[in-house]
Amino acid sequence: MLNFRDQLYVGEDIHHQSRIIRNLKAGKRLLSTYVLATCEGPGQLEIYHNFFLTAPVYQAMEFDVVGIAGSYADALDLVLQITEECYASRGDANIKAYLGNKTS
């Protein structure tokens, strides 16, 4: 299940954000859409192509989606943006703590 934050990071390659989110929630496969989600384990962020999220093994899992991107390069740019904001705000790279403190 995909849980989208209210304040979602959106890549430059994304057009029609609300339609893409609606299609992702419906489990549709979108050719060029990547999802940024916080990690359950010790990592910070994970990047998933949305095709993977339609697989049965992932459908039972919960994902805290913090961003969507239109390409892998766009997703990497979002990770860089989030990391820079985190460092400027906190002085470290604890992205999960930074995102947890932001209003969702």
Foldseek 3Di string as FASTA:
>chain_A
DEDEAPQAAEFPQDDPVVVVVVCLVVLHQDDFKKWWFQDPDPDGIDIDRSVVCSDPVNVVPYTYTRYMYRHVVRVVVVLVVLQVVCCVVPVHRNSVVVVVPDHD
